[in-house]
Protein backbone atom coordinates (compact mmCIF):
# COMPACT_ATOMS: atom_id res chain seq x y z
CA MET A 1 0.00 0.00 0.00
CA GLY A 2 2.99 2.33 0.19
CA ASP A 3 3.46 4.81 3.02
CA GLU A 4 1.51 4.45 6.19
CA LEU A 5 -1.20 7.11 6.66
CA ASN A 6 -0.38 9.60 9.43
CA LEU A 7 -0.85 13.31 10.23
CA SER A 8 2.20 14.33 8.20
CA ASN A 9 0.92 12.89 4.89
CA LEU A 10 -2.85 13.34 5.45
CA GLN A 11 -4.51 15.30 2.61
CA PRO A 12 -8.03 15.65 1.15
CA ALA A 13 -9.19 13.63 -1.88
CA GLN A 14 -9.68 16.88 -3.84
CA ALA A 15 -7.35 19.82 -3.40
CA ARG A 16 -8.88 22.78 -1.57
CA LYS A 17 -9.62 25.75 -3.83
CA ASP A 18 -9.65 29.15 -2.14
CA ARG A 19 -12.61 31.38 -2.94
CA LYS A 20 -12.02 34.63 -4.80
CA ARG A 21 -11.71 37.46 -2.24
CA VAL A 22 -12.47 40.78 -3.94
CA GLY A 23 -11.93 44.30 -2.62
CA ARG A 24 -9.04 43.46 -0.28
CA GLY A 25 -6.48 46.02 -1.45
CA LEU A 26 -4.37 46.61 -4.57
CA GLY A 27 -1.82 43.97 -3.66
CA SER A 28 -4.42 41.19 -3.67
CA GLY A 29 -4.96 41.35 -7.44
CA LYS A 30 -8.71 41.97 -7.00
CA GLY A 31 -8.67 45.39 -5.38
CA ARG A 32 -9.77 48.87 -6.49
CA TYR A 33 -12.82 48.03 -8.73
CA SER A 34 -13.03 44.36 -7.66
CA GLY A 35 -13.18 43.02 -11.22
CA ARG A 36 -16.26 45.13 -12.16
CA GLY A 37 -14.54 47.78 -14.29
CA ILE A 38 -15.22 51.52 -14.01
CA LYS A 39 -18.76 53.00 -13.84
CA GLY A 40 -21.82 51.77 -15.71
CA GLN A 41 -24.80 49.71 -14.62
CA LYS A 42 -22.87 46.49 -14.07
CA SER A 43 -20.43 48.16 -11.69
CA ARG A 44 -23.24 49.03 -9.27
CA ALA A 45 -24.69 46.98 -6.45
CA GLY A 46 -27.82 45.03 -7.46
CA SER A 47 -26.90 45.03 -11.16
CA HIS A 48 -27.37 41.25 -11.28
CA MET A 49 -31.13 41.78 -10.85
CA MET A 50 -31.61 42.45 -14.59
CA ARG A 51 -33.98 40.01 -16.25
CA ALA A 52 -32.92 37.83 -19.17
CA GLY A 53 -33.08 39.71 -22.47
CA TYR A 54 -32.81 43.17 -20.87
CA GLU A 55 -30.93 45.58 -23.15
CA GLY A 56 -30.52 48.60 -20.91
CA GLY A 57 -33.78 50.31 -21.83
CA GLN A 58 -33.23 49.80 -25.57
CA MET A 59 -36.12 48.14 -27.40
CA PRO A 60 -35.33 44.44 -26.79
CA LEU A 61 -34.89 41.91 -29.56
CA TYR A 62 -38.08 39.96 -28.79
CA MET A 63 -40.09 43.17 -29.22
CA ARG A 64 -38.23 44.29 -32.37
CA THR A 65 -38.86 41.10 -34.31
CA ALA A 66 -42.02 40.39 -36.31
CA LYS A 67 -44.74 38.34 -34.63
CA LEU A 68 -46.82 35.49 -36.00
CA ARG A 69 -50.58 35.73 -35.97
CA GLY A 70 -52.67 33.77 -33.51
CA ASN A 71 -54.07 33.62 -30.00
CA THR A 72 -50.96 34.42 -28.02
CA SER A 73 -52.44 36.65 -25.31
CA ALA A 74 -52.33 35.50 -21.70
CA ASP A 75 -56.08 34.89 -21.46
CA ALA A 76 -56.60 33.34 -24.91
CA MET A 77 -58.00 29.83 -25.16
CA PRO A 78 -56.57 27.24 -25.43
CA ILE A 79 -53.11 28.82 -25.24
CA GLY A 80 -53.56 31.06 -22.18
CA PRO A 81 -53.59 30.10 -18.50
CA PHE A 82 -57.06 28.51 -18.66
CA ARG A 83 -55.98 25.81 -21.04
CA THR A 84 -58.23 22.84 -21.71
CA TYR A 85 -56.68 19.43 -22.26
CA THR A 86 -58.43 16.34 -23.54
CA GLN A 87 -57.01 12.89 -24.05
CA PRO A 88 -58.14 11.43 -27.39
CA VAL A 89 -59.30 7.82 -27.63
CA ASN A 90 -60.29 6.35 -30.99
CA LEU A 91 -62.96 3.74 -31.70
CA ARG A 92 -60.36 1.41 -33.28
CA ASP A 93 -58.58 1.27 -29.88
CA LEU A 94 -61.82 0.28 -28.12
CA GLU A 95 -62.44 -2.36 -30.79
CA ALA A 96 -59.01 -3.89 -30.16
CA ARG A 97 -58.92 -3.76 -26.32
CA PHE A 98 -62.49 -4.30 -25.11
CA ALA A 99 -64.79 -7.32 -25.40
CA ALA A 100 -68.47 -7.05 -26.39
CA GLY A 101 -70.75 -5.92 -23.56
CA GLU A 102 -67.91 -4.42 -21.49
CA GLU A 103 -68.21 -1.05 -19.76
CA VAL A 104 -65.78 1.66 -20.93
CA THR A 105 -64.93 4.33 -18.32
CA PRO A 106 -61.88 6.55 -17.78
CA GLU A 107 -60.71 4.10 -15.09
CA SER A 108 -60.94 1.09 -17.43
CA LEU A 109 -59.21 3.07 -20.21
CA LYS A 110 -56.34 3.80 -17.80
CA ALA A 111 -56.17 0.13 -16.77
CA LYS A 112 -55.90 -0.91 -20.45
CA GLY A 113 -53.18 1.71 -21.09
CA LEU A 114 -55.18 3.86 -23.52
CA ILE A 115 -54.89 7.04 -21.43
CA ARG A 116 -52.26 8.28 -18.98
CA SER A 117 -54.34 10.08 -16.35
CA ILE A 118 -57.94 9.96 -15.15
CA ARG A 119 -57.67 13.60 -13.99
CA LYS A 120 -57.77 14.92 -17.56
CA ASP A 121 -60.90 14.78 -19.72
CA VAL A 122 -61.30 11.95 -22.22
CA LYS A 123 -62.73 12.59 -25.69
CA LEU A 124 -63.91 9.77 -27.94
CA LEU A 125 -63.01 10.22 -31.61
CA GLY A 126 -64.47 8.37 -34.58
CA VAL A 127 -61.31 6.96 -36.21
CA GLY A 128 -61.85 3.30 -37.09
CA ASP A 129 -64.93 1.07 -36.96
CA LEU A 130 -66.78 -0.34 -33.96
CA THR A 131 -68.61 -3.66 -34.27
CA LYS A 132 -68.99 -4.49 -30.55
CA GLN A 133 -71.80 -3.35 -28.29
CA LEU A 134 -70.17 -1.25 -25.56
CA SER A 135 -71.51 1.07 -22.87
CA ILE A 136 -69.14 4.05 -22.96
CA THR A 137 -68.84 6.80 -20.34
CA VAL A 138 -66.47 9.65 -21.30
CA HIS A 139 -66.28 13.44 -20.97
CA GLY A 140 -66.83 14.23 -24.64
CA ALA A 141 -67.32 12.61 -28.02
CA SER A 142 -67.26 13.67 -31.65
CA LYS A 143 -70.43 13.44 -33.72
CA THR A 144 -68.94 10.67 -35.89
CA ALA A 145 -67.99 8.61 -32.83
CA GLN A 146 -71.46 9.03 -31.34
CA GLU A 147 -73.13 7.83 -34.56
CA LYS A 148 -70.82 4.79 -34.85
CA VAL A 149 -71.38 3.74 -31.21
CA GLU A 150 -75.18 3.96 -31.62
CA ALA A 151 -75.00 2.10 -34.96
CA ALA A 152 -73.15 -0.77 -33.22
CA GLY A 153 -75.92 -0.94 -30.60
CA GLY A 154 -73.91 0.57 -27.76
CA THR A 155 -74.66 3.46 -25.42
CA LEU A 156 -72.69 6.68 -24.93
CA THR A 157 -72.92 8.74 -21.73
CA LEU A 158 -71.18 12.12 -21.48
CA LEU A 159 -69.78 13.22 -18.12
CA ARG A 160 -69.62 16.86 -19.26
CA GLU A 161 -72.37 18.80 -21.02
CA PRO A 162 -71.40 19.68 -24.61
CA LYS A 163 -70.81 23.39 -25.26
CA ILE A 164 -73.43 25.14 -27.39
CA ARG A 165 -71.61 27.18 -30.00
CA LYS A 166 -73.01 30.54 -31.07
CA PRO A 167 -73.38 31.34 -34.77
CA LYS A 168 -70.43 33.30 -36.15
CA ASN A 169 -72.26 36.49 -37.21
CA MET A 170 -74.20 37.08 -33.98
CA LYS A 171 -72.36 40.36 -33.35
CA ARG A 172 -73.23 41.87 -36.71
CA ARG A 173 -76.78 40.56 -37.02
CA PRO A 174 -79.55 42.06 -34.84
CA GLU A 175 -81.30 39.68 -32.44
CA GLY A 176 -84.06 37.58 -34.03
CA ARG A 177 -83.13 38.34 -37.64
CA SER A 178 -82.24 35.41 -39.85
CA LYS A 179 -80.06 35.50 -42.92
CA VAL A 180 -82.23 35.49 -46.07
CA SER A 181 -80.67 34.47 -49.38
CA ASP A 182 -81.27 36.33 -52.68
CA THR A 183 -83.16 33.36 -54.19
CA GLU A 184 -85.67 33.33 -51.32
CA VAL A 185 -86.28 37.07 -51.76
CA SER A 186 -86.87 36.65 -55.52
CA ASP A 187 -89.24 33.68 -54.87
CA THR A 188 -91.38 35.68 -52.42
CA ALA A 189 -91.48 38.64 -54.86
CA ALA A 190 -92.66 36.34 -57.70
CA GLU A 191 -95.47 34.93 -55.52
CA ASP A 192 -96.83 38.45 -54.73
């Protein structure tokens, strides 16, 4: 093993590195301005509090560059803080994993490995065909999926009420007025 270990040859596994001691006189090598240079914002106390991307009051790069269109505001859906997440499950997956007459719930979907979490909403999508009669309970479903489940003789129960979408031109059109096409106007004029 070599020399016997004693107090004269005892040393640490890694050599000790002294910390940098600034502002301890000119002879120390880090005196006078303590490595900060002369004047300016970065020579002052608290200058490290600048956020990332700060350019000293100049218009920063992220504000100078062109922006892409889209819902990028903080309260925009589904990008803003009130995001909505759904886990998609297709009919072809139910066809492959479930037997006829079985009950499909978020818990059973998690047990079969089709979804990761039961805390997020599950939406049934109509990709693939369904031949088995299943009783499905999910948070949402597409119209195609709903039709295919009913055609196979199964039942679909929604845990969340579907949102009723407003027509697009509700702002421009006065309440109670319906859009009348030119052909309908000409037909009514011909009848008179």
